[in-house]
C-alpha atoms as a PDB file:
ATOM      1  CA  MET A   1      58.630 119.074  -8.104  1.00  0.00           C
ATOM      2  CA  ARG A   2      56.493 120.711 -10.788  1.00  0.00           C
ATOM      3  CA  VAL A   3      54.746 118.464 -13.321  1.00  0.00           C
ATOM      4  CA  SER A   4      53.068 119.616 -16.494  1.00  0.00           C
ATOM      5  CA  SER A   5      51.334 117.465 -19.083  1.00  0.00           C
ATOM      6  CA  LYS A   6      48.678 117.807 -21.748  1.00  0.00           C
ATOM      7  CA  ARG A   7      46.620 115.474 -19.585  1.00  0.00           C
ATOM      8  CA  LEU A   8      46.577 118.116 -16.842  1.00  0.00           C
ATOM      9  CA  ILE A   9      44.939 120.581 -19.255  1.00  0.00           C
ATOM     10  CA  ASP A  10      47.274 123.572 -18.891  1.00  0.00           C
ATOM     11  CA  ARG A  11      47.636 123.184 -15.136  1.00  0.00           C
ATOM     12  CA  VAL A  12      50.803 122.436 -13.171  1.00  0.00           C
ATOM     13  CA  LEU A  13      50.883 119.815 -10.445  1.00  0.00           C
ATOM     14  CA  VAL A  14      53.206 120.585  -7.536  1.00  0.00           C
ATOM     15  CA  GLU A  15      54.371 117.748  -5.321  1.00  0.00           C
ATOM     16  CA  SER A  16      56.894 118.145  -2.509  1.00  0.00           C
ATOM     17  CA  PHE A  17      58.523 116.108   0.221  1.00  0.00           C
ATOM     18  CA  ALA A  18      60.673 116.813   3.253  1.00  0.00           C
ATOM     19  CA  GLY A  19      63.716 114.921   4.384  1.00  0.00           C
ATOM     20  CA  TRP A  20      65.074 114.893   7.929  1.00  0.00           C
ATOM     21  CA  ALA A  21      68.804 114.426   8.355  1.00  0.00           C
ATOM     22  CA  LEU A  22      71.850 116.181   9.780  1.00  0.00           C
ATOM     23  CA  GLU A  23      73.384 116.675   6.338  1.00  0.00           C
ATOM     24  CA  GLU A  24      71.521 118.511   3.554  1.00  0.00           C
ATOM     25  CA  ASP A  25      72.502 115.926   0.922  1.00  0.00           C
ATOM     26  CA  GLU A  26      71.135 113.118   3.068  1.00  0.00           C
ATOM     27  CA  ALA A  27      67.867 115.019   3.670  1.00  0.00           C
ATOM     28  CA  ALA A  28      67.480 115.609  -0.092  1.00  0.00           C
ATOM     29  CA  LYS A  29      68.118 111.911  -0.772  1.00  0.00           C
ATOM     30  CA  GLN A  30      65.514 110.942   1.827  1.00  0.00           C
ATOM     31  CA  ALA A  31      62.944 113.329   0.320  1.00  0.00           C
ATOM     32  CA  PHE A  32      63.573 111.923  -3.162  1.00  0.00           C
ATOM     33  CA  GLU A  33      63.179 108.353  -1.902  1.00  0.00           C
ATOM     34  CA  LYS A  34      59.790 109.300  -0.411  1.00  0.00           C
ATOM     35  CA  PHE A  35      58.744 110.728  -3.768  1.00  0.00           C
ATOM     36  CA  LEU A  36      59.776 107.480  -5.471  1.00  0.00           C
ATOM     37  CA  ARG A  37      57.708 105.436  -2.999  1.00  0.00           C
ATOM     38  CA  ALA A  38      54.656 107.684  -2.756  1.00  0.00           C
ATOM     39  CA  SER A  39      53.889 109.733  -5.854  1.00  0.00           C
ATOM     40  CA  LEU A  40      56.013 108.660  -8.800  1.00  0.00           C
ATOM     41  CA  HIS A  41      53.925 105.625  -9.734  1.00  0.00           C
ATOM     42  CA  VAL A  42      50.686 107.601  -9.503  1.00  0.00           C
ATOM     43  CA  LEU A  43      52.107 110.227 -11.843  1.00  0.00           C
ATOM     44  CA  LEU A  44      53.398 107.604 -14.280  1.00  0.00           C
ATOM     45  CA  ALA A  45      50.131 105.639 -14.244  1.00  0.00           C
ATOM     46  CA  VAL A  46      47.953 108.717 -14.799  1.00  0.00           C
ATOM     47  CA  LEU A  47      50.109 110.848 -17.078  1.00  0.00           C
ATOM     48  CA  VAL A  48      51.983 108.233 -19.130  1.00  0.00           C
ATOM     49  CA  GLU A  49      50.493 104.723 -19.059  1.00  0.00           C
ATOM     50  CA  PRO A  50      48.350 102.931 -16.435  1.00  0.00           C
ATOM     51  CA  GLY A  51      50.607  99.866 -16.507  1.00  0.00           C
ATOM     52  CA  LEU A  52      53.535 101.916 -15.239  1.00  0.00           C
ATOM     53  CA  GLY A  53      51.856 102.049 -11.848  1.00  0.00           C
ATOM     54  CA  ALA A  54      52.299  98.269 -11.703  1.00  0.00           C
ATOM     55  CA  ASP A  55      51.514  97.004  -8.219  1.00  0.00           C
ATOM     56  CA  GLN A  56      52.325 100.371  -6.632  1.00  0.00           C
ATOM     57  CA  VAL A  57      48.928 102.025  -7.157  1.00  0.00           C
ATOM     58  CA  GLU A  58      45.337 101.042  -6.641  1.00  0.00           C
ATOM     59  CA  TRP A  59      42.613 102.027  -9.105  1.00  0.00           C
ATOM     60  CA  GLU A  60      39.068 102.641  -7.894  1.00  0.00           C
ATOM     61  CA  THR A  61      35.923 103.932  -9.573  1.00  0.00           C
ATOM     62  CA  TRP A  62      34.272 106.809  -7.747  1.00  0.00           C
ATOM     63  CA  ARG A  63      30.799 108.029  -8.729  1.00  0.00           C
ATOM     64  CA  LEU A  64      28.604 110.970  -7.897  1.00  0.00           C
ATOM     65  CA  GLY A  65      25.338 111.376  -9.745  1.00  0.00           C
ATOM     66  CA  GLY A  66      26.060 110.847 -13.423  1.00  0.00           C
ATOM     67  CA  VAL A  67      29.785 111.571 -13.118  1.00  0.00           C
ATOM     68  CA  THR A  68      32.308 108.752 -12.885  1.00  0.00           C
ATOM     69  CA  TRP A  69      35.935 109.202 -11.852  1.00  0.00           C
ATOM     70  CA  ARG A  70      38.917 106.866 -12.036  1.00  0.00           C
ATOM     71  CA  ALA A  71      40.886 107.295  -8.819  1.00  0.00           C
ATOM     72  CA  CYS A  72      44.562 106.342  -8.882  1.00  0.00           C
ATOM     73  CA  ILE A  73      45.619 105.964  -5.257  1.00  0.00           C
ATOM     74  CA  GLY A  74      49.249 105.758  -4.268  1.00  0.00           C
ATOM     75  CA  PRO A  75      50.608 103.878  -1.286  1.00  0.00           C
ATOM     76  CA  MET A  76      50.207 105.298   2.200  1.00  0.00           C
ATOM     77  CA  ILE A  77      53.645 106.380   3.365  1.00  0.00           C
ATOM     78  CA  LEU A  78      54.038 105.772   7.084  1.00  0.00           C
ATOM     79  CA  GLN A  79      57.016 106.850   9.158  1.00  0.00           C
ATOM     80  CA  GLY A  80      57.771 106.483  12.829  1.00  0.00           C
ATOM     81  CA  SER A  81      55.953 103.909  14.934  1.00  0.00           C
ATOM     82  CA  PRO A  82      52.451 103.480  13.496  1.00  0.00           C
ATOM     83  CA  PRO A  83      50.259 100.766  15.007  1.00  0.00           C
ATOM     84  CA  GLU A  84      49.744  97.559  13.048  1.00  0.00           C
ATOM     85  CA  PRO A  85      47.575  96.982  11.222  1.00  0.00           C
ATOM     86  CA  PHE A  86      47.194 100.565  10.054  1.00  0.00           C
ATOM     87  CA  VAL A  87      43.828 100.920   8.306  1.00  0.00           C
ATOM     88  CA  CYS A  88      42.240 104.170   7.155  1.00  0.00           C
ATOM     89  CA  GLY A  89      39.837 103.203   4.366  1.00  0.00           C
ATOM     90  CA  GLU A  90      36.992 105.003   6.116  1.00  0.00           C
ATOM     91  CA  LEU A  91      39.068 108.195   6.167  1.00  0.00           C
ATOM     92  CA  LEU A  92      39.523 107.944   2.408  1.00  0.00           C
ATOM     93  CA  ASP A  93      35.763 107.357   2.018  1.00  0.00           C
ATOM     94  CA  GLN A  94      35.009 110.514   4.008  1.00  0.00           C
ATOM     95  CA  LEU A  95      37.472 112.530   1.912  1.00  0.00           C
ATOM     96  CA  ARG A  96      35.936 111.116  -1.288  1.00  0.00           C
ATOM     97  CA  ASP A  97      32.409 112.024  -0.189  1.00  0.00           C
ATOM     98  CA  GLN A  98      33.471 115.585   0.633  1.00  0.00           C
ATOM     99  CA  LEU A  99      35.575 115.929  -2.511  1.00  0.00           C
ATOM    100  CA  LEU A 100      33.384 114.700  -5.372  1.00  0.00           C
ATOM    101  CA  PRO A 101      30.636 117.356  -5.183  1.00  0.00           C
ATOM    102  CA  ARG A 102      33.181 120.164  -5.549  1.00  0.00           C
ATOM    103  CA  LEU A 103      35.136 118.862  -8.555  1.00  0.00           C
ATOM    104  CA  SER A 104      35.058 120.278 -12.065  1.00  0.00           C
ATOM    105  CA  GLU A 105      33.908 117.362 -14.188  1.00  0.00           C
ATOM    106  CA  CYS A 106      36.150 117.595 -17.234  1.00  0.00           C
ATOM    107  CA  VAL A 107      39.604 118.037 -15.701  1.00  0.00           C
ATOM    108  CA  PRO A 108      41.861 115.792 -13.640  1.00  0.00           C
ATOM    109  CA  HIS A 109      42.360 116.588  -9.973  1.00  0.00           C
ATOM    110  CA  TRP A 110      44.904 115.579  -7.354  1.00  0.00           C
ATOM    111  CA  VAL A 111      44.781 115.333  -3.580  1.00  0.00           C
ATOM    112  CA  ARG A 112      47.427 114.977  -0.930  1.00  0.00           C
ATOM    113  CA  PHE A 113      46.953 114.627   2.780  1.00  0.00           C
ATOM    114  CA  TYR A 114      49.481 114.470   5.575  1.00  0.00           C
ATOM    115  CA  PHE A 115      49.100 113.783   9.277  1.00  0.00           C
ATOM    116  CA  TRP A 116      51.779 113.800  11.954  1.00  0.00           C
ATOM    117  CA  ARG A 117      51.431 113.030  15.607  1.00  0.00           C
ATOM    118  CA  SER A 118      54.142 112.975  18.210  1.00  0.00           C
ATOM    119  CA  SER A 119      53.261 110.664  21.080  1.00  0.00           C
ATOM    120  CA  GLU A 120      49.734 111.600  22.156  1.00  0.00           C
ATOM    121  CA  GLN A 121      49.569 114.986  20.445  1.00  0.00           C
ATOM    122  CA  GLN A 122      48.526 115.798  16.895  1.00  0.00           C
ATOM    123  CA  THR A 123      51.324 117.970  15.570  1.00  0.00           C
ATOM    124  CA  CYS A 124      50.538 118.720  11.928  1.00  0.00           C
ATOM    125  CA  THR A 125      47.717 118.165   9.466  1.00  0.00           C
ATOM    126  CA  GLU A 126      47.531 119.090   5.780  1.00  0.00           C
ATOM    127  CA  ALA A 127      45.112 118.460   2.932  1.00  0.00           C
ATOM    128  CA  LEU A 128      45.673 119.873  -0.538  1.00  0.00           C
ATOM    129  CA  LEU A 129      43.387 119.806  -3.561  1.00  0.00           C
ATOM    130  CA  ASP A 130      45.010 120.730  -6.871  1.00  0.00           C
ATOM    131  CA  ASN A 131      47.988 122.295  -5.011  1.00  0.00           C
ATOM    132  CA  PHE A 132      45.832 124.479  -2.739  1.00  0.00           C
ATOM    133  CA  ASP A 133      44.848 124.196   0.890  1.00  0.00           C
ATOM    134  CA  TRP A 134      41.599 122.246   1.182  1.00  0.00           C
ATOM    135  CA  PRO A 135      40.102 123.252   4.561  1.00  0.00           C
ATOM    136  CA  ASP A 136      37.219 120.732   4.456  1.00  0.00           C
ATOM    137  CA  GLY A 137      39.659 117.914   3.727  1.00  0.00           C
ATOM    138  CA  ARG A 138      42.049 119.128   6.427  1.00  0.00           C
ATOM    139  CA  ASN A 139      39.169 119.163   8.939  1.00  0.00           C
ATOM    140  CA  ILE A 140      38.310 115.555   8.050  1.00  0.00           C
ATOM    141  CA  VAL A 141      41.942 114.471   8.427  1.00  0.00           C
ATOM    142  CA  MET A 142      42.251 116.385  11.722  1.00  0.00           C
ATOM    143  CA  ALA A 143      39.031 114.918  13.148  1.00  0.00           C
ATOM    144  CA  TRP A 144      39.816 111.335  12.129  1.00  0.00           C
ATOM    145  CA  ASN A 145      40.252 108.954  15.053  1.00  0.00           C
ATOM    146  CA  TRP A 146      43.955 108.335  14.471  1.00  0.00           C
ATOM    147  CA  PRO A 147      45.471 105.449  16.429  1.00  0.00           C
ATOM    148  CA  ASP A 148      47.879 106.250  19.250  1.00  0.00           C
ATOM    149  CA  GLY A 149      51.586 106.363  18.513  1.00  0.00           C
ATOM    150  CA  ALA A 150      54.294 108.646  17.178  1.00  0.00           C
ATOM    151  CA  TYR A 151      54.145 108.569  13.379  1.00  0.00           C
ATOM    152  CA  SER A 152      53.247 110.360  10.186  1.00  0.00           C
ATOM    153  CA  ALA A 153      50.962 109.283   7.350  1.00  0.00           C
ATOM    154  CA  ARG A 154      50.898 110.715   3.827  1.00  0.00           C
ATOM    155  CA  LEU A 155      48.782 109.811   0.790  1.00  0.00           C
ATOM    156  CA  PHE A 156      48.688 111.132  -2.781  1.00  0.00           C
ATOM    157  CA  LEU A 157      45.999 110.345  -5.345  1.00  0.00           C
ATOM    158  CA  MET A 158      44.788 111.578  -8.707  1.00  0.00           C
ATOM    159  CA  LEU A 159      41.291 111.594 -10.177  1.00  0.00           C
ATOM    160  CA  LEU A 160      40.513 111.343 -13.880  1.00  0.00           C
ATOM    161  CA  PRO A 161      37.072 112.029 -15.320  1.00  0.00           C
ATOM    162  CA  LYS A 162      35.820 108.888 -17.025  1.00  0.00           C
ATOM    163  CA  SER A 163      33.265 110.618 -19.225  1.00  0.00           C
ATOM    164  CA  ASN A 164      34.055 112.345 -22.496  1.00  0.00           C
ATOM    165  CA  CYS A 165      34.010 116.098 -22.086  1.00  0.00           C
END
């Protein structure tokens, strides 16, 4: 999906999902349902009205030096057999600390990460910043001490500059 908005300042946000099913229609339906659960409320809260995120997003304030960001964090989408409880707040803190120094101050940014492990083997890792591969973020996600199990984890968030630019 491609999203454009005046709030993105002439940039286009690209968000995509995969569905796994024997029939193409069923796979497309599954991918759309993941979008509804993971990213839609973040997009609505950031680009339309914060209240539209309702209880589906979490807002945090992130600071670096004199720059303050409002982070709109979507739900972690877990599939497979993740351990319970599944906690990765420290992973998000590491990503935040790596991310903030590299951001342009007066534009919104978005981040997506994905991790998949099958049994005891890490199978796939992705981290994107503003639609592009983010190697430092991917390295953090890859190095994280993920719990054992066969599962995937995906998170989408957007950052808005709080200062007037």
